[in-house]
Amino acid sequence: MSFTRWVALFSLSALALVAPAQAQTPPTPAAVPSPAGSTGISILVVDVQSLLQNSKSAKMVRQQIEQKRAEYAKEISKQEESLRSERDSLQRQQSSLSAEALNQKGREFQAKVNELDKSVQGKRQSLERSNVEALEKIQEAMLKIITDIAKERKANLVFQRSELVLFDQGFDVTDEVLQKLDEQLPTLTVNFVAPAAATAAAPAAEAPPAQAAAKKKK
């Protein structure tokens, strides 16, 4: 029986990340408690997505994530090329190998492809987790700044710009938040999460004929 079940190699696009601003939904800034005795409503508006795109720390995070993605992609590319060579070699041996030997090599090749698949998934998930953790640090600093500005202006409601259709531009404090965020968190080093190890159950090895015969004699 000829070996025909070749598994398509994974594309490097599997390592693509969503834009940092889309990696997770930014939390809605909480309403700031009104001062005792106050009944008026004071509103602030913040463009959270803009802050996650344009702040110095967010740009630094994207740069680091892209560098690591390129590093992973290079590793995967080398493994893919090795598997392509092995696949081509097996195809050339179809006429010279027995069906049993060809199927055995095919199973071994399939296991390597599965291992590469798990490696790609592990690296992609590692990048996503690392990206999310870094953005959470930015959001934590950002929300503290927004809270402080709200207290200074005695604001008791803070809206994300994306949630509003029309509003007075005087309510928008995005530029002020951005300036303070860049001052307080000008840099941020991504703590990269190690990719999960690709573990594939290895088939139990059969004892060589000579060893099997020796056991029988004993």
Protein backbone atom coordinates (compact mmCIF):
# COMPACT_ATOMS: atom_id res chain seq x y z
CA MET A 1 0.00 0.00 0.00
CA SER A 2 1.49 3.34 -1.01
CA PHE A 3 1.86 6.11 1.53
CA THR A 4 -0.44 8.96 0.51
CA ARG A 5 -1.56 10.62 3.75
CA TRP A 6 0.66 13.70 3.89
CA VAL A 7 -0.28 16.35 6.38
CA ALA A 8 -0.08 19.98 5.21
CA LEU A 9 2.50 21.98 7.16
CA PHE A 10 1.25 24.86 9.23
CA SER A 11 1.66 28.38 7.86
CA LEU A 12 3.63 30.99 9.77
CA SER A 13 0.46 33.08 9.81
CA ALA A 14 -0.57 30.92 12.76
CA LEU A 15 1.81 33.04 14.82
CA ALA A 16 0.07 36.30 13.93
CA LEU A 17 -1.16 38.30 16.89
CA VAL A 18 -4.16 40.54 17.07
CA ALA A 19 -3.36 44.20 17.51
CA PRO A 20 -2.52 44.98 21.13
CA ALA A 21 -5.55 47.21 21.46
CA GLN A 22 -7.74 44.23 20.53
CA ALA A 23 -5.97 41.65 22.66
CA GLN A 24 -8.54 42.15 25.40
CA THR A 25 -11.50 44.44 26.00
CA PRO A 26 -10.33 47.39 28.10
CA PRO A 27 -12.19 47.64 31.41
CA THR A 28 -14.80 50.33 31.70
CA PRO A 29 -13.52 52.98 34.12
CA ALA A 30 -15.56 52.82 37.30
CA ALA A 31 -17.76 55.68 38.32
CA VAL A 32 -16.03 57.94 40.84
CA PRO A 33 -18.04 58.39 44.06
CA SER A 34 -19.60 61.84 44.35
CA PRO A 35 -18.46 64.05 47.21
CA ALA A 36 -20.77 64.02 50.22
CA GLY A 37 -23.76 66.25 49.66
CA SER A 38 -23.14 66.62 45.91
CA THR A 39 -26.07 65.94 43.61
CA GLY A 40 -24.68 67.25 40.31
CA ILE A 41 -23.25 65.12 37.53
CA SER A 42 -19.74 65.79 36.24
CA ILE A 43 -18.52 63.76 33.26
CA LEU A 44 -15.13 62.86 31.80
CA VAL A 45 -14.45 61.03 28.53
CA VAL A 46 -11.36 58.93 27.79
CA ASP A 47 -10.31 57.27 24.53
CA VAL A 48 -8.92 54.05 26.02
CA GLN A 49 -8.14 52.48 22.64
CA SER A 50 -6.07 55.51 21.67
CA LEU A 51 -4.08 55.24 24.91
CA LEU A 52 -3.38 51.56 24.24
CA GLN A 53 -2.15 52.46 20.77
CA ASN A 54 -0.25 55.69 21.29
CA SER A 55 1.31 55.59 24.76
CA LYS A 56 5.07 55.04 24.94
CA SER A 57 4.71 51.86 26.98
CA ALA A 58 2.13 50.36 24.58
CA LYS A 59 4.36 51.05 21.58
CA MET A 60 7.28 49.45 23.42
CA VAL A 61 5.20 46.37 24.18
CA ARG A 62 4.18 46.00 20.53
CA GLN A 63 7.81 46.25 19.45
CA GLN A 64 8.91 43.54 21.86
CA ILE A 65 6.01 41.26 20.94
CA GLU A 66 6.80 41.64 17.24
CA GLN A 67 10.49 40.86 17.82
CA LYS A 68 9.61 37.70 19.72
CA ARG A 69 7.04 36.72 17.08
CA ALA A 70 9.68 37.09 14.37
CA GLU A 71 12.06 34.96 16.44
CA TYR A 72 9.46 32.23 16.84
CA ALA A 73 8.53 32.43 13.15
CA LYS A 74 12.16 31.88 12.18
CA GLU A 75 12.34 28.78 14.38
CA ILE A 76 9.12 27.38 12.94
CA SER A 77 10.27 28.11 9.40
CA LYS A 78 13.41 26.00 9.91
CA GLN A 79 11.34 23.13 11.29
CA GLU A 80 8.91 23.37 8.40
CA GLU A 81 11.74 23.27 5.88
CA SER A 82 13.17 20.17 7.58
CA LEU A 83 9.78 18.44 7.41
CA ARG A 84 9.35 19.37 3.76
CA SER A 85 12.71 17.78 2.97
CA GLU A 86 11.75 14.65 4.90
CA ARG A 87 8.39 14.50 3.11
CA ASP A 88 10.05 14.77 -0.30
CA SER A 89 12.54 12.08 0.66
CA LEU A 90 9.75 9.71 1.69
CA GLN A 91 7.89 10.35 -1.55
CA ARG A 92 11.01 9.36 -3.50
CA GLN A 93 11.32 6.14 -1.47
CA GLN A 94 7.78 4.91 -2.12
CA SER A 95 8.85 2.56 -4.88
CA SER A 96 11.87 1.16 -3.03
CA LEU A 97 10.46 0.55 0.46
CA SER A 98 8.08 -2.16 1.57
CA ALA A 99 4.57 -1.15 2.52
CA GLU A 100 5.30 -1.84 6.18
CA ALA A 101 8.50 0.22 6.20
CA LEU A 102 6.84 3.06 4.32
CA ASN A 103 3.90 3.14 6.70
CA GLN A 104 6.22 3.14 9.69
CA LYS A 105 8.13 6.12 8.30
CA GLY A 106 4.82 7.78 7.54
CA ARG A 107 3.68 7.40 11.16
CA GLU A 108 6.98 8.85 12.37
CA PHE A 109 6.59 11.79 10.00
CA GLN A 110 3.00 12.33 11.15
CA ALA A 111 4.19 12.46 14.77
CA LYS A 112 6.73 15.16 13.87
CA VAL A 113 4.06 17.21 12.10
CA ASN A 114 1.79 16.92 15.15
CA GLU A 115 4.65 18.01 17.37
CA LEU A 116 5.26 21.06 15.18
CA ASP A 117 1.56 21.87 15.30
CA LYS A 118 1.65 21.83 19.11
CA SER A 119 4.82 23.93 19.10
CA VAL A 120 3.19 26.58 16.91
CA GLN A 121 0.09 26.68 19.09
CA GLY A 122 2.20 26.89 22.25
CA LYS A 123 4.23 29.82 20.89
CA ARG A 124 1.14 31.67 19.72
CA GLN A 125 -0.55 31.23 23.10
CA SER A 126 2.64 32.34 24.85
CA LEU A 127 2.72 35.57 22.84
CA GLU A 128 -0.95 36.23 23.51
CA ARG A 129 -0.57 35.70 27.27
CA SER A 130 2.57 37.85 27.40
CA ASN A 131 0.82 40.59 25.43
CA VAL A 132 -2.26 40.53 27.67
CA GLU A 133 -0.20 40.64 30.87
CA ALA A 134 1.77 43.64 29.62
CA LEU A 135 -1.43 45.48 28.60
CA GLU A 136 -2.93 44.82 32.02
CA LYS A 137 -0.01 46.69 33.60
CA ILE A 138 -0.62 49.64 31.28
CA GLN A 139 -4.35 49.59 32.03
CA GLU A 140 -3.69 49.49 35.77
CA ALA A 141 -1.53 52.62 35.56
CA MET A 142 -4.01 54.25 33.18
CA LEU A 143 -7.02 53.67 35.45
CA LYS A 144 -5.17 55.10 38.44
CA ILE A 145 -4.40 58.26 36.46
CA ILE A 146 -8.02 58.55 35.29
CA THR A 147 -9.24 58.15 38.88
CA ASP A 148 -6.88 60.86 40.11
CA ILE A 149 -7.97 63.27 37.36
CA ALA A 150 -11.63 62.54 38.12
CA LYS A 151 -11.07 63.32 41.79
CA GLU A 152 -9.25 66.56 40.94
CA ARG A 153 -12.12 67.68 38.71
CA LYS A 154 -14.77 66.30 41.05
CA ALA A 155 -16.11 64.12 38.24
CA ASN A 156 -18.42 61.27 39.19
CA LEU A 157 -18.83 59.58 35.78
CA VAL A 158 -16.13 58.48 33.33
CA PHE A 159 -17.05 57.12 29.89
CA GLN A 160 -15.01 55.44 27.21
CA ARG A 161 -15.11 57.48 24.03
CA SER A 162 -16.21 54.43 22.00
CA GLU A 163 -19.39 54.19 24.08
CA LEU A 164 -20.59 57.70 23.15
CA VAL A 165 -22.07 59.08 19.93
CA LEU A 166 -22.00 62.80 20.72
CA PHE A 167 -20.40 64.72 23.57
CA ASP A 168 -18.76 68.04 24.34
CA GLN A 169 -15.06 67.76 23.47
CA GLY A 170 -14.33 69.68 26.66
CA PHE A 171 -15.12 66.49 28.58
CA ASP A 172 -12.32 64.56 26.81
CA VAL A 173 -9.20 64.17 28.99
CA THR A 174 -7.40 61.63 26.79
CA ASP A 175 -4.45 63.90 26.03
CA GLU A 176 -3.96 64.67 29.71
CA VAL A 177 -4.10 60.98 30.60
CA LEU A 178 -1.63 60.17 27.82
CA GLN A 179 0.84 62.78 29.03
CA LYS A 180 0.71 61.50 32.61
CA LEU A 181 0.87 57.87 31.47
CA ASP A 182 4.01 58.55 29.41
CA GLU A 183 5.56 60.31 32.40
CA GLN A 184 4.72 57.57 34.89
CA LEU A 185 5.24 54.55 32.63
CA PRO A 186 7.62 55.57 29.83
CA THR A 187 8.94 52.04 29.36
CA LEU A 188 7.68 48.53 29.96
CA THR A 189 9.56 45.26 29.59
CA VAL A 190 7.39 42.34 28.52
CA ASN A 191 7.65 39.28 30.72
CA PHE A 192 7.45 36.56 28.11
CA VAL A 193 5.64 33.43 29.17
CA ALA A 194 7.50 30.26 28.20
CA PRO A 195 5.64 28.27 25.52
CA ALA A 196 4.05 25.08 26.73
CA ALA A 197 6.23 22.10 25.89
CA ALA A 198 4.94 20.00 23.01
CA THR A 199 4.48 16.56 24.54
CA ALA A 200 3.61 13.71 22.24
CA ALA A 201 3.11 10.20 23.52
CA ALA A 202 5.85 8.08 22.02
CA PRO A 203 4.77 4.62 20.81
CA ALA A 204 6.15 1.75 22.83
CA ALA A 205 9.27 0.40 21.20
CA GLU A 206 9.26 -3.24 20.24
CA ALA A 207 12.18 -5.41 21.27
CA PRO A 208 14.55 -6.20 18.38
CA PRO A 209 14.20 -9.76 17.01
CA ALA A 210 17.58 -10.78 18.44
CA GLN A 211 16.65 -9.63 21.94
CA ALA A 212 13.24 -11.26 21.70
CA ALA A 213 14.86 -14.56 20.72
CA ALA A 214 17.29 -14.30 23.61
CA LYS A 215 14.44 -13.80 26.07
CA LYS A 216 12.70 -16.92 24.72
CA LYS A 217 15.85 -19.02 25.23
CA LYS A 218 16.03 -17.89 28.89
